[in-house]
Amino acid sequence: MEGSIQIHLEKLPEGVYLATSDDIQGLVAQGRTIKETLKIARDITIKLLESLEKSKSITL
């Protein structure tokens, strides 16, 4: 599955970067560089979407 989401990226006063997204609820990633932060955000997004898929397949 491929797609794109919008990421909000900001540099915090502590010197680290913070990534969040209105498209993926729960996505919060922090890193020392922009590249590192975006990689972490991508990994978290994949895990969140996999978790969502699993929860949709559970029947009660």
Protein backbone atom coordinates (compact mmCIF):
# COMPACT_ATOMS: atom_id res chain seq x y z
CA MET A 1 0.00 0.00 0.00
CA GLU A 2 1.37 3.37 -1.01
CA GLY A 3 0.10 6.85 -0.54
CA SER A 4 1.02 10.22 0.80
CA ILE A 5 0.13 12.19 3.89
CA GLN A 6 0.88 15.73 4.95
CA ILE A 7 3.43 16.08 7.72
CA HIS A 8 3.81 19.16 9.90
CA LEU A 9 7.49 19.57 10.75
CA GLU A 10 8.82 22.07 13.24
CA LYS A 11 12.12 22.73 14.95
CA LEU A 12 11.72 22.90 18.70
CA PRO A 13 13.71 25.30 20.93
CA GLU A 14 15.68 22.29 22.21
CA GLY A 15 17.09 21.87 18.70
CA VAL A 16 15.19 18.70 17.78
CA TYR A 17 12.50 18.31 15.11
CA LEU A 18 8.90 17.31 15.74
CA ALA A 19 6.64 15.78 13.09
CA THR A 20 2.87 15.45 13.40
CA SER A 21 0.03 14.94 10.94
CA ASP A 22 -3.66 15.79 10.77
CA ASP A 23 -4.02 12.87 8.33
CA ILE A 24 -2.86 10.14 10.74
CA GLN A 25 -4.26 10.33 14.26
CA GLY A 26 -1.57 9.56 16.84
CA LEU A 27 1.41 10.35 14.63
CA VAL A 28 4.07 12.13 16.66
CA ALA A 29 7.75 11.69 15.81
CA GLN A 30 10.85 13.42 17.10
CA GLY A 31 14.41 13.32 15.77
CA ARG A 32 17.72 15.14 15.75
CA THR A 33 17.60 15.88 12.01
CA ILE A 34 14.84 16.39 9.46
CA LYS A 35 15.80 13.17 7.69
CA GLU A 36 15.77 11.16 10.93
CA THR A 37 12.44 12.66 11.99
CA LEU A 38 10.79 11.86 8.65
CA LYS A 39 12.10 8.27 8.76
CA ILE A 40 10.69 7.81 12.26
CA ALA A 41 7.38 9.36 11.16
CA ARG A 42 7.22 6.94 8.22
CA ASP A 43 7.89 3.94 10.46
CA ILE A 44 5.27 5.07 12.98
CA THR A 45 2.73 5.66 10.20
CA ILE A 46 3.22 2.12 8.92
CA LYS A 47 2.74 0.69 12.42
CA LEU A 48 -0.37 2.80 13.05
CA LEU A 49 -1.93 1.77 9.73
CA GLU A 50 -1.11 -1.92 10.34
CA SER A 51 -2.71 -1.68 13.78
CA LEU A 52 -5.81 -0.07 12.28
CA GLU A 53 -6.08 -2.85 9.68
CA LYS A 54 -5.80 -5.54 12.38
CA SER A 55 -8.45 -3.91 14.55
CA LYS A 56 -10.84 -3.73 11.57
CA SER A 57 -10.44 -7.47 10.93
CA ILE A 58 -11.41 -8.43 14.49
CA THR A 59 -15.03 -9.60 14.74
CA LEU A 60 -16.93 -9.67 17.98
